Amino acid sequence: MTEHRGGAGQGSGGSRQGAKQRSFWKELPILIGIALVLALLIKTFLVQAFSIPSDSMQNTLQRGDRVLVDKLTPWFGSQPGRGEVVVFHDPDNWLAGEPTPSPNALQKVLTFIGLMPSAEEKDLIKRVIGVGGDTVECKGTGPLLVNGHALNEPYVYPGNTPCSMDEQGGQFKVKVPEGFIWVMGDHRQNSRDSRYNQGDKNHGMVPVDKVVGRAIVKAWPINRWGALPVPDTFDQPGIGSQSSAAGSVAVAPYGVALTAVAPVALWRRRRAAKVRTTGNASTTTATGSR
C-alpha cells in the first residue's frame, strides 16, 4: 500500500510538471507577440532610438552615440523649446549628397520594432536656438543673441566661437516665424544647420511639424549615459517664455505600458488559480484511491 501511494503521488507530480512545461511553451509565442507589439507601440508613440551620424553636435554628442527621443509630448501639443536637442526630418534637402546606409534584413526588422536606430530615414539632430517670434542674431564671433540677450554657451565645442565670421551664414539676424524653429549644432564651425540653409524654401527654419521629438538621454555607449537637459542660459529673465509638456514624459510611458500589460497579468493570475484548483482536485482524487 505504501508503494502504491508513493507511485500515485509521483505520477500526479509528474503530470503537473508536464502540464506546467506545456503551458510555458504554449504561452511563449503569446508573450513574444505582446513584447513585439509593446516595442512597436513604444517606438511609434513614446520613445525611439537614433544614432548620431556626424560630429556636428560635439561634444554634447559624439559620432556613433545612441540617443532616446521622446515622441510622446508632441501628441499633447508640446512645442520644441529653446535649448532642447531635437531630431527632425530633413526640411528641404539639407542632406543632399550625404551617403545613405543600406541596412540588411535583420537591421530593418529591428528598426521597425524600435530596437535599433533607423539607418534609412533622412533625419538630423540639432539644438533649438530660437522658436516662433524670436529674433536670433550673430555679430562678429559672438556671443549669440536671442531677443537681444546674450547666451552663455558652455556646450559649444572647445575652440569654436559661438558665431563664425564667414559671410555664407556665420553672420545673420533672423526673425523666426510662428510654427518654425531655428537650429544650430554645438560644433559651430562644423555644422551645416539653419545658418547655411537660408536659401531653402523655409529660409533655414525648420517647420515644427517636421520635428520627430526631443532627445532626452544618451543611451549608448554605457560610459556616456546621461540626460540632455536644457542649459540654464535659456532660462534667463527677459529672453521669452517657454512652454513644455515634459512633466508628462516620466509618467505616461509607464501608464501606457501598465495599461497594455494589465489584461495579460490578470489572465495569467486567473489561469494560475485554475491550475492550482485543478491540482488540488487531482491530489484529493489520488489520496482517496489509496
C-alpha atoms as a PDB file:
ATOM      1  CA  MET A   1       0.000   0.000   0.000  1.00  0.00           C
ATOM      2  CA  THR A   2       2.857   2.336   0.826  1.00  0.00           C
ATOM      3  CA  GLU A   3       4.478   1.765  -2.547  1.00  0.00           C
ATOM      4  CA  HIS A   4       1.090   2.241  -4.238  1.00  0.00           C
ATOM      5  CA  ARG A   5       0.556   5.587  -2.507  1.00  0.00           C
ATOM      6  CA  GLY A   6       4.055   6.748  -3.426  1.00  0.00           C
ATOM      7  CA  GLY A   7       3.534   5.753  -7.045  1.00  0.00           C
ATOM      8  CA  ALA A   8       0.268   7.699  -7.238  1.00  0.00           C
ATOM      9  CA  GLY A   9       1.911  10.835  -5.734  1.00  0.00           C
ATOM     10  CA  GLN A  10       4.862  10.713  -8.145  1.00  0.00           C
ATOM     11  CA  GLY A  11       2.577  10.228 -11.105  1.00  0.00           C
ATOM     12  CA  SER A  12       0.456  13.209 -10.089  1.00  0.00           C
ATOM     13  CA  GLY A  13       3.507  15.414  -9.545  1.00  0.00           C
ATOM     14  CA  GLY A  14       4.997  14.398 -12.893  1.00  0.00           C
ATOM     15  CA  SER A  15       1.694  15.154 -14.587  1.00  0.00           C
ATOM     16  CA  ARG A  16       1.532  18.629 -13.036  1.00  0.00           C
ATOM     17  CA  GLN A  17       5.143  19.363 -14.059  1.00  0.00           C
ATOM     18  CA  GLY A  18       4.360  18.226 -17.589  1.00  0.00           C
ATOM     19  CA  ALA A  19       1.305  20.470 -17.653  1.00  0.00           C
ATOM     20  CA  LYS A  20       3.368  23.433 -16.460  1.00  0.00           C
ATOM     21  CA  GLN A  21       6.049  22.733 -19.111  1.00  0.00           C
ATOM     22  CA  ARG A  22       3.463  22.503 -21.897  1.00  0.00           C
ATOM     23  CA  SER A  23       1.753  25.623 -20.580  1.00  0.00           C
ATOM     24  CA  PHE A  24       5.008  27.603 -20.781  1.00  0.00           C
ATOM     25  CA  TRP A  25       5.647  26.668 -24.412  1.00  0.00           C
ATOM     26  CA  LYS A  26       2.052  27.492 -25.309  1.00  0.00           C
ATOM     27  CA  GLU A  27       2.333  30.919 -23.665  1.00  0.00           C
ATOM     28  CA  LEU A  28       5.762  31.772 -25.086  1.00  0.00           C
ATOM     29  CA  PRO A  29       4.530  32.817 -28.576  1.00  0.00           C
ATOM     30  CA  ILE A  30       1.856  34.969 -26.928  1.00  0.00           C
ATOM     31  CA  LEU A  31       4.411  36.658 -24.679  1.00  0.00           C
ATOM     32  CA  ILE A  32       6.764  37.244 -27.619  1.00  0.00           C
ATOM     33  CA  GLY A  33       3.888  38.733 -29.618  1.00  0.00           C
ATOM     34  CA  ILE A  34       2.956  41.041 -26.740  1.00  0.00           C
ATOM     35  CA  ALA A  35       6.592  42.134 -26.368  1.00  0.00           C
ATOM     36  CA  LEU A  36       6.818  42.959 -30.089  1.00  0.00           C
ATOM     37  CA  VAL A  37       3.543  44.893 -30.050  1.00  0.00           C
ATOM     38  CA  LEU A  38       4.689  46.864 -26.988  1.00  0.00           C
ATOM     39  CA  ALA A  39       8.045  47.584 -28.644  1.00  0.00           C
ATOM     40  CA  LEU A  40       6.271  48.821 -31.770  1.00  0.00           C
ATOM     41  CA  LEU A  41       3.883  50.991 -29.753  1.00  0.00           C
ATOM     42  CA  ILE A  42       6.754  52.458 -27.734  1.00  0.00           C
ATOM     43  CA  LYS A  43       8.713  53.211 -30.904  1.00  0.00           C
ATOM     44  CA  THR A  44       5.690  54.753 -32.631  1.00  0.00           C
ATOM     45  CA  PHE A  45       4.259  56.831 -29.807  1.00  0.00           C
ATOM     46  CA  LEU A  46       6.706  57.071 -26.906  1.00  0.00           C
ATOM     47  CA  VAL A  47      10.455  56.701 -27.394  1.00  0.00           C
ATOM     48  CA  GLN A  48      12.688  55.875 -30.352  1.00  0.00           C
ATOM     49  CA  ALA A  49      16.433  55.317 -30.596  1.00  0.00           C
ATOM     50  CA  PHE A  50      18.519  57.342 -33.036  1.00  0.00           C
ATOM     51  CA  SER A  51      22.181  57.088 -33.984  1.00  0.00           C
ATOM     52  CA  ILE A  52      24.399  60.179 -34.270  1.00  0.00           C
ATOM     53  CA  PRO A  53      25.938  60.138 -37.772  1.00  0.00           C
ATOM     54  CA  SER A  54      28.229  63.197 -37.649  1.00  0.00           C
ATOM     55  CA  ASP A  55      30.344  65.489 -35.472  1.00  0.00           C
ATOM     56  CA  SER A  56      28.019  68.498 -35.674  1.00  0.00           C
ATOM     57  CA  MET A  57      26.828  68.181 -32.052  1.00  0.00           C
ATOM     58  CA  GLN A  58      30.211  67.617 -30.396  1.00  0.00           C
ATOM     59  CA  ASN A  59      30.994  67.497 -27.552  1.00  0.00           C
ATOM     60  CA  THR A  60      27.434  67.114 -26.366  1.00  0.00           C
ATOM     61  CA  LEU A  61      27.023  64.143 -28.689  1.00  0.00           C
ATOM     62  CA  GLN A  62      29.726  62.113 -30.381  1.00  0.00           C
ATOM     63  CA  ARG A  63      29.523  60.306 -33.686  1.00  0.00           C
ATOM     64  CA  GLY A  64      28.087  56.842 -33.022  1.00  0.00           C
ATOM     65  CA  ASP A  65      26.222  57.788 -29.829  1.00  0.00           C
ATOM     66  CA  ARG A  66      22.684  56.465 -29.455  1.00  0.00           C
ATOM     67  CA  VAL A  67      20.055  58.823 -28.078  1.00  0.00           C
ATOM     68  CA  LEU A  68      16.498  58.161 -26.966  1.00  0.00           C
ATOM     69  CA  VAL A  69      13.976  60.598 -28.392  1.00  0.00           C
ATOM     70  CA  ASP A  70      10.714  61.482 -26.654  1.00  0.00           C
ATOM     71  CA  LYS A  71       7.953  61.233 -29.256  1.00  0.00           C
ATOM     72  CA  LEU A  72       5.088  61.464 -26.762  1.00  0.00           C
ATOM     73  CA  THR A  73       4.869  65.124 -25.788  1.00  0.00           C
ATOM     74  CA  PRO A  74       4.216  66.417 -29.340  1.00  0.00           C
ATOM     75  CA  TRP A  75       0.997  64.359 -29.271  1.00  0.00           C
ATOM     76  CA  PHE A  76      -0.148  66.582 -26.397  1.00  0.00           C
ATOM     77  CA  GLY A  77       0.602  69.784 -28.303  1.00  0.00           C
ATOM     78  CA  SER A  78       4.038  70.456 -26.819  1.00  0.00           C
ATOM     79  CA  GLN A  79       6.241  72.657 -28.997  1.00  0.00           C
ATOM     80  CA  PRO A  80      10.052  72.421 -29.169  1.00  0.00           C
ATOM     81  CA  GLY A  81      11.667  74.781 -26.655  1.00  0.00           C
ATOM     82  CA  ARG A  82      14.858  76.827 -26.749  1.00  0.00           C
ATOM     83  CA  GLY A  83      17.915  74.840 -25.727  1.00  0.00           C
ATOM     84  CA  GLU A  84      16.395  71.428 -26.420  1.00  0.00           C
ATOM     85  CA  VAL A  85      18.241  68.947 -28.619  1.00  0.00           C
ATOM     86  CA  VAL A  86      15.740  67.738 -31.209  1.00  0.00           C
ATOM     87  CA  VAL A  87      15.578  65.215 -34.042  1.00  0.00           C
ATOM     88  CA  PHE A  88      13.759  66.372 -37.174  1.00  0.00           C
ATOM     89  CA  HIS A  89      13.106  65.196 -40.705  1.00  0.00           C
ATOM     90  CA  ASP A  90      15.140  66.893 -43.422  1.00  0.00           C
ATOM     91  CA  PRO A  91      13.095  70.068 -44.058  1.00  0.00           C
ATOM     92  CA  ASP A  92      14.335  70.839 -47.573  1.00  0.00           C
ATOM     93  CA  ASN A  93      17.170  68.692 -48.864  1.00  0.00           C
ATOM     94  CA  TRP A  94      19.707  69.647 -46.170  1.00  0.00           C
ATOM     95  CA  LEU A  95      21.251  66.196 -46.538  1.00  0.00           C
ATOM     96  CA  ALA A  96      21.807  66.437 -50.282  1.00  0.00           C
ATOM     97  CA  GLY A  97      24.883  64.452 -51.263  1.00  0.00           C
ATOM     98  CA  GLU A  98      25.110  62.599 -47.958  1.00  0.00           C
ATOM     99  CA  PRO A  99      25.502  58.807 -48.346  1.00  0.00           C
ATOM    100  CA  THR A 100      22.547  56.660 -47.284  1.00  0.00           C
ATOM    101  CA  PRO A 101      23.377  53.384 -45.471  1.00  0.00           C
ATOM    102  CA  SER A 102      21.967  50.096 -46.771  1.00  0.00           C
ATOM    103  CA  PRO A 103      20.786  48.011 -43.789  1.00  0.00           C
ATOM    104  CA  ASN A 104      20.319  44.249 -44.074  1.00  0.00           C
ATOM    105  CA  ALA A 105      17.005  42.432 -43.493  1.00  0.00           C
ATOM    106  CA  LEU A 106      17.618  41.834 -39.767  1.00  0.00           C
ATOM    107  CA  GLN A 107      18.504  45.505 -39.208  1.00  0.00           C
ATOM    108  CA  LYS A 108      15.297  46.543 -40.976  1.00  0.00           C
ATOM    109  CA  VAL A 109      13.204  44.305 -38.717  1.00  0.00           C
ATOM    110  CA  LEU A 110      14.922  45.577 -35.557  1.00  0.00           C
ATOM    111  CA  THR A 111      14.473  49.152 -36.767  1.00  0.00           C
ATOM    112  CA  PHE A 112      10.771  48.563 -37.497  1.00  0.00           C
ATOM    113  CA  ILE A 113      10.062  47.455 -33.930  1.00  0.00           C
ATOM    114  CA  GLY A 114      12.267  50.176 -32.443  1.00  0.00           C
ATOM    115  CA  LEU A 115      15.120  48.040 -31.119  1.00  0.00           C
ATOM    116  CA  MET A 116      17.649  49.626 -33.477  1.00  0.00           C
ATOM    117  CA  PRO A 117      18.084  53.164 -34.803  1.00  0.00           C
ATOM    118  CA  SER A 118      16.894  53.794 -38.327  1.00  0.00           C
ATOM    119  CA  ALA A 119      19.592  53.886 -40.975  1.00  0.00           C
ATOM    120  CA  GLU A 120      17.375  54.977 -43.874  1.00  0.00           C
ATOM    121  CA  GLU A 121      15.393  57.927 -42.557  1.00  0.00           C
ATOM    122  CA  LYS A 122      16.571  61.396 -43.542  1.00  0.00           C
ATOM    123  CA  ASP A 123      16.793  62.838 -40.043  1.00  0.00           C
ATOM    124  CA  LEU A 124      19.015  65.446 -38.406  1.00  0.00           C
ATOM    125  CA  ILE A 125      19.758  66.389 -34.813  1.00  0.00           C
ATOM    126  CA  LYS A 126      20.499  69.953 -33.646  1.00  0.00           C
ATOM    127  CA  ARG A 127      19.890  72.303 -30.743  1.00  0.00           C
ATOM    128  CA  VAL A 128      16.898  74.663 -30.819  1.00  0.00           C
ATOM    129  CA  ILE A 129      18.125  78.269 -30.529  1.00  0.00           C
ATOM    130  CA  GLY A 130      15.020  80.212 -31.489  1.00  0.00           C
ATOM    131  CA  VAL A 131      11.280  79.477 -31.547  1.00  0.00           C
ATOM    132  CA  GLY A 132       8.371  81.265 -33.199  1.00  0.00           C
ATOM    133  CA  GLY A 133       8.538  85.035 -32.588  1.00  0.00           C
ATOM    134  CA  ASP A 134      12.216  85.082 -31.558  1.00  0.00           C
ATOM    135  CA  THR A 135      14.928  87.212 -33.115  1.00  0.00           C
ATOM    136  CA  VAL A 136      18.251  85.386 -33.367  1.00  0.00           C
ATOM    137  CA  GLU A 137      21.394  87.319 -34.212  1.00  0.00           C
ATOM    138  CA  CYS A 138      25.109  86.743 -34.677  1.00  0.00           C
ATOM    139  CA  LYS A 139      27.641  89.577 -34.764  1.00  0.00           C
ATOM    140  CA  GLY A 140      31.344  89.008 -35.149  1.00  0.00           C
ATOM    141  CA  THR A 141      32.406  85.900 -33.272  1.00  0.00           C
ATOM    142  CA  GLY A 142      29.615  86.197 -30.715  1.00  0.00           C
ATOM    143  CA  PRO A 143      28.029  85.919 -28.354  1.00  0.00           C
ATOM    144  CA  LEU A 144      24.882  84.590 -29.965  1.00  0.00           C
ATOM    145  CA  LEU A 145      21.866  86.809 -29.205  1.00  0.00           C
ATOM    146  CA  VAL A 146      18.254  85.702 -28.716  1.00  0.00           C
ATOM    147  CA  ASN A 147      15.778  88.577 -28.384  1.00  0.00           C
ATOM    148  CA  GLY A 148      18.716  90.844 -27.597  1.00  0.00           C
ATOM    149  CA  HIS A 149      20.013  88.655 -24.750  1.00  0.00           C
ATOM    150  CA  ALA A 150      23.475  87.138 -24.993  1.00  0.00           C
ATOM    151  CA  LEU A 151      23.705  83.386 -24.494  1.00  0.00           C
ATOM    152  CA  ASN A 152      26.382  81.821 -22.316  1.00  0.00           C
ATOM    153  CA  GLU A 153      27.043  78.594 -24.218  1.00  0.00           C
ATOM    154  CA  PRO A 154      29.378  76.188 -22.384  1.00  0.00           C
ATOM    155  CA  TYR A 155      28.146  73.382 -24.642  1.00  0.00           C
ATOM    156  CA  VAL A 156      29.825  74.925 -27.724  1.00  0.00           C
ATOM    157  CA  TYR A 157      32.720  72.767 -28.947  1.00  0.00           C
ATOM    158  CA  PRO A 158      36.053  73.764 -27.331  1.00  0.00           C
ATOM    159  CA  GLY A 159      37.998  76.120 -29.572  1.00  0.00           C
ATOM    160  CA  ASN A 160      34.899  77.197 -31.516  1.00  0.00           C
ATOM    161  CA  THR A 161      33.390  80.651 -31.280  1.00  0.00           C
ATOM    162  CA  PRO A 162      29.601  80.990 -30.876  1.00  0.00           C
ATOM    163  CA  CYS A 163      29.420  82.730 -34.259  1.00  0.00           C
ATOM    164  CA  SER A 164      31.514  82.384 -37.401  1.00  0.00           C
ATOM    165  CA  MET A 165      32.907  85.265 -39.418  1.00  0.00           C
ATOM    166  CA  ASP A 166      32.126  83.780 -42.829  1.00  0.00           C
ATOM    167  CA  GLU A 167      29.590  85.611 -44.985  1.00  0.00           C
ATOM    168  CA  GLN A 168      27.728  82.490 -46.150  1.00  0.00           C
ATOM    169  CA  GLY A 169      25.865  82.072 -42.890  1.00  0.00           C
ATOM    170  CA  GLY A 170      28.069  82.964 -39.973  1.00  0.00           C
ATOM    171  CA  GLN A 171      26.662  86.495 -39.688  1.00  0.00           C
ATOM    172  CA  PHE A 172      22.898  86.859 -39.590  1.00  0.00           C
ATOM    173  CA  LYS A 173      19.859  88.397 -37.983  1.00  0.00           C
ATOM    174  CA  VAL A 174      16.606  86.485 -38.423  1.00  0.00           C
ATOM    175  CA  LYS A 175      13.070  86.601 -37.088  1.00  0.00           C
ATOM    176  CA  VAL A 176      11.649  83.108 -36.552  1.00  0.00           C
ATOM    177  CA  PRO A 177       8.056  82.759 -37.858  1.00  0.00           C
ATOM    178  CA  GLU A 178       5.385  81.057 -35.781  1.00  0.00           C
ATOM    179  CA  GLY A 179       5.348  77.317 -36.398  1.00  0.00           C
ATOM    180  CA  PHE A 180       9.100  77.187 -37.056  1.00  0.00           C
ATOM    181  CA  ILE A 181      12.358  76.830 -35.116  1.00  0.00           C
ATOM    182  CA  TRP A 182      15.936  77.970 -35.730  1.00  0.00           C
ATOM    183  CA  VAL A 183      18.512  75.258 -35.026  1.00  0.00           C
ATOM    184  CA  MET A 184      22.292  75.184 -34.688  1.00  0.00           C
ATOM    185  CA  GLY A 185      24.862  72.497 -33.956  1.00  0.00           C
ATOM    186  CA  ASP A 186      27.061  72.677 -30.858  1.00  0.00           C
ATOM    187  CA  HIS A 187      30.141  72.219 -33.046  1.00  0.00           C
ATOM    188  CA  ARG A 188      29.602  75.648 -34.571  1.00  0.00           C
ATOM    189  CA  GLN A 189      32.395  75.506 -37.128  1.00  0.00           C
ATOM    190  CA  ASN A 190      31.367  72.022 -38.293  1.00  0.00           C
ATOM    191  CA  SER A 191      27.581  72.103 -38.555  1.00  0.00           C
ATOM    192  CA  ARG A 192      25.505  72.745 -41.644  1.00  0.00           C
ATOM    193  CA  ASP A 193      22.420  73.994 -39.815  1.00  0.00           C
ATOM    194  CA  SER A 194      19.859  76.803 -40.161  1.00  0.00           C
ATOM    195  CA  ARG A 195      22.632  79.336 -40.816  1.00  0.00           C
ATOM    196  CA  TYR A 196      23.766  77.627 -44.009  1.00  0.00           C
ATOM    197  CA  ASN A 197      20.327  76.732 -45.383  1.00  0.00           C
ATOM    198  CA  GLN A 198      18.797  80.200 -45.529  1.00  0.00           C
ATOM    199  CA  GLY A 199      18.427  79.798 -49.288  1.00  0.00           C
ATOM    200  CA  ASP A 200      15.922  76.950 -48.983  1.00  0.00           C
ATOM    201  CA  LYS A 201      12.137  77.298 -49.141  1.00  0.00           C
ATOM    202  CA  ASN A 202      11.939  77.817 -45.354  1.00  0.00           C
ATOM    203  CA  HIS A 203      14.861  80.292 -45.217  1.00  0.00           C
ATOM    204  CA  GLY A 204      16.782  77.948 -42.917  1.00  0.00           C
ATOM    205  CA  MET A 205      13.907  77.466 -40.495  1.00  0.00           C
ATOM    206  CA  VAL A 206      12.634  74.005 -39.510  1.00  0.00           C
ATOM    207  CA  PRO A 207       8.836  73.546 -39.535  1.00  0.00           C
ATOM    208  CA  VAL A 208       7.626  72.320 -36.147  1.00  0.00           C
ATOM    209  CA  ASP A 209       5.664  69.554 -37.855  1.00  0.00           C
ATOM    210  CA  LYS A 210       8.983  68.133 -39.099  1.00  0.00           C
ATOM    211  CA  VAL A 211      10.238  67.605 -35.533  1.00  0.00           C
ATOM    212  CA  VAL A 212      10.239  63.937 -34.501  1.00  0.00           C
ATOM    213  CA  GLY A 213      10.863  64.699 -30.838  1.00  0.00           C
ATOM    214  CA  ARG A 214      13.295  65.825 -28.193  1.00  0.00           C
ATOM    215  CA  ALA A 215      16.457  63.827 -27.450  1.00  0.00           C
ATOM    216  CA  ILE A 216      16.207  63.232 -23.707  1.00  0.00           C
ATOM    217  CA  VAL A 217      19.067  60.876 -22.893  1.00  0.00           C
ATOM    218  CA  LYS A 218      22.309  59.447 -24.247  1.00  0.00           C
ATOM    219  CA  ALA A 219      21.718  55.708 -24.013  1.00  0.00           C
ATOM    220  CA  TRP A 220      24.797  54.203 -25.663  1.00  0.00           C
ATOM    221  CA  PRO A 221      27.658  53.607 -25.158  1.00  0.00           C
ATOM    222  CA  ILE A 222      27.089  52.926 -21.469  1.00  0.00           C
ATOM    223  CA  ASN A 223      30.047  55.041 -20.360  1.00  0.00           C
ATOM    224  CA  ARG A 224      28.384  58.076 -21.964  1.00  0.00           C
ATOM    225  CA  TRP A 225      24.927  57.509 -20.455  1.00  0.00           C
ATOM    226  CA  GLY A 226      23.377  60.769 -19.318  1.00  0.00           C
ATOM    227  CA  ALA A 227      20.479  63.185 -19.660  1.00  0.00           C
ATOM    228  CA  LEU A 228      20.291  66.052 -22.157  1.00  0.00           C
ATOM    229  CA  PRO A 229      18.870  68.930 -20.102  1.00  0.00           C
ATOM    230  CA  VAL A 230      18.093  72.453 -21.271  1.00  0.00           C
ATOM    231  CA  PRO A 231      21.034  74.750 -20.400  1.00  0.00           C
ATOM    232  CA  ASP A 232      20.326  77.439 -17.800  1.00  0.00           C
ATOM    233  CA  THR A 233      21.216  80.246 -20.212  1.00  0.00           C
ATOM    234  CA  PHE A 234      17.848  79.798 -21.956  1.00  0.00           C
ATOM    235  CA  ASP A 235      16.012  80.478 -18.684  1.00  0.00           C
ATOM    236  CA  GLN A 236      17.431  83.972 -18.171  1.00  0.00           C
ATOM    237  CA  PRO A 237      14.818  86.696 -17.485  1.00  0.00           C
ATOM    238  CA  GLY A 238      13.541  88.599 -20.490  1.00  0.00           C
ATOM    239  CA  ILE A 239      14.534  86.093 -23.141  1.00  0.00           C
ATOM    240  CA  GLY A 240      10.932  84.910 -23.506  1.00  0.00           C
ATOM    241  CA  SER A 241       8.567  82.288 -22.153  1.00  0.00           C
ATOM    242  CA  GLN A 242       8.967  78.564 -22.737  1.00  0.00           C
ATOM    243  CA  SER A 243       6.149  76.040 -22.958  1.00  0.00           C
ATOM    244  CA  SER A 244       6.726  72.389 -22.189  1.00  0.00           C
ATOM    245  CA  ALA A 245       4.763  69.243 -21.504  1.00  0.00           C
ATOM    246  CA  ALA A 246       7.836  67.484 -20.130  1.00  0.00           C
ATOM    247  CA  GLY A 247       6.009  66.697 -16.918  1.00  0.00           C
ATOM    248  CA  SER A 248       4.063  64.012 -18.735  1.00  0.00           C
ATOM    249  CA  VAL A 249       7.174  62.262 -20.046  1.00  0.00           C
ATOM    250  CA  ALA A 250       8.061  60.418 -16.866  1.00  0.00           C
ATOM    251  CA  VAL A 251       4.538  59.198 -16.172  1.00  0.00           C
ATOM    252  CA  ALA A 252       2.911  58.470 -19.499  1.00  0.00           C
ATOM    253  CA  PRO A 253       5.204  55.683 -20.820  1.00  0.00           C
ATOM    254  CA  TYR A 254       4.737  53.695 -17.617  1.00  0.00           C
ATOM    255  CA  GLY A 255       0.996  54.315 -17.700  1.00  0.00           C
ATOM    256  CA  VAL A 256       0.683  53.073 -21.273  1.00  0.00           C
ATOM    257  CA  ALA A 257       2.831  50.030 -20.524  1.00  0.00           C
ATOM    258  CA  LEU A 258       0.767  49.163 -17.435  1.00  0.00           C
ATOM    259  CA  THR A 259      -2.459  49.554 -19.385  1.00  0.00           C
ATOM    260  CA  ALA A 260      -1.170  47.145 -22.021  1.00  0.00           C
ATOM    261  CA  VAL A 261       0.221  44.603 -19.567  1.00  0.00           C
ATOM    262  CA  ALA A 262      -2.642  44.588 -17.028  1.00  0.00           C
ATOM    263  CA  PRO A 263      -5.028  42.361 -19.061  1.00  0.00           C
ATOM    264  CA  VAL A 264      -2.240  39.830 -19.619  1.00  0.00           C
ATOM    265  CA  ALA A 265      -1.317  39.804 -15.936  1.00  0.00           C
ATOM    266  CA  LEU A 266      -4.959  39.329 -14.954  1.00  0.00           C
ATOM    267  CA  TRP A 267      -5.344  36.456 -17.418  1.00  0.00           C
ATOM    268  CA  ARG A 268      -2.209  34.777 -16.089  1.00  0.00           C
ATOM    269  CA  ARG A 269      -3.409  35.103 -12.481  1.00  0.00           C
ATOM    270  CA  ARG A 270      -6.753  33.526 -13.334  1.00  0.00           C
ATOM    271  CA  ARG A 271      -5.003  30.746 -15.224  1.00  0.00           C
ATOM    272  CA  ALA A 272      -2.650  30.081 -12.295  1.00  0.00           C
ATOM    273  CA  ALA A 273      -5.605  29.945  -9.876  1.00  0.00           C
ATOM    274  CA  LYS A 274      -7.364  27.471 -12.158  1.00  0.00           C
ATOM    275  CA  VAL A 275      -4.255  25.270 -12.323  1.00  0.00           C
ATOM    276  CA  ARG A 276      -3.964  25.309  -8.523  1.00  0.00           C
ATOM    277  CA  THR A 277      -7.626  24.350  -8.171  1.00  0.00           C
ATOM    278  CA  THR A 278      -7.212  21.533 -10.696  1.00  0.00           C
ATOM    279  CA  GLY A 279      -4.049  20.376  -8.919  1.00  0.00           C
ATOM    280  CA  ASN A 280      -5.828  20.248  -5.550  1.00  0.00           C
ATOM    281  CA  ALA A 281      -8.677  18.235  -7.050  1.00  0.00           C
ATOM    282  CA  SER A 282      -6.178  15.776  -8.560  1.00  0.00           C
ATOM    283  CA  THR A 283      -4.432  15.352  -5.185  1.00  0.00           C
ATOM    284  CA  THR A 284      -7.768  14.693  -3.459  1.00  0.00           C
ATOM    285  CA  THR A 285      -8.639  12.061  -6.046  1.00  0.00           C
ATOM    286  CA  ALA A 286      -5.265  10.374  -5.732  1.00  0.00           C
ATOM    287  CA  THR A 287      -5.463  10.332  -1.922  1.00  0.00           C
ATOM    288  CA  GLY A 288      -8.962   8.932  -1.984  1.00  0.00           C
ATOM    289  CA  SER A 289      -7.811   6.000  -4.158  1.00  0.00           C
ATOM    290  CA  ARG A 290      -5.199   4.812  -1.662  1.00  0.00           C
END
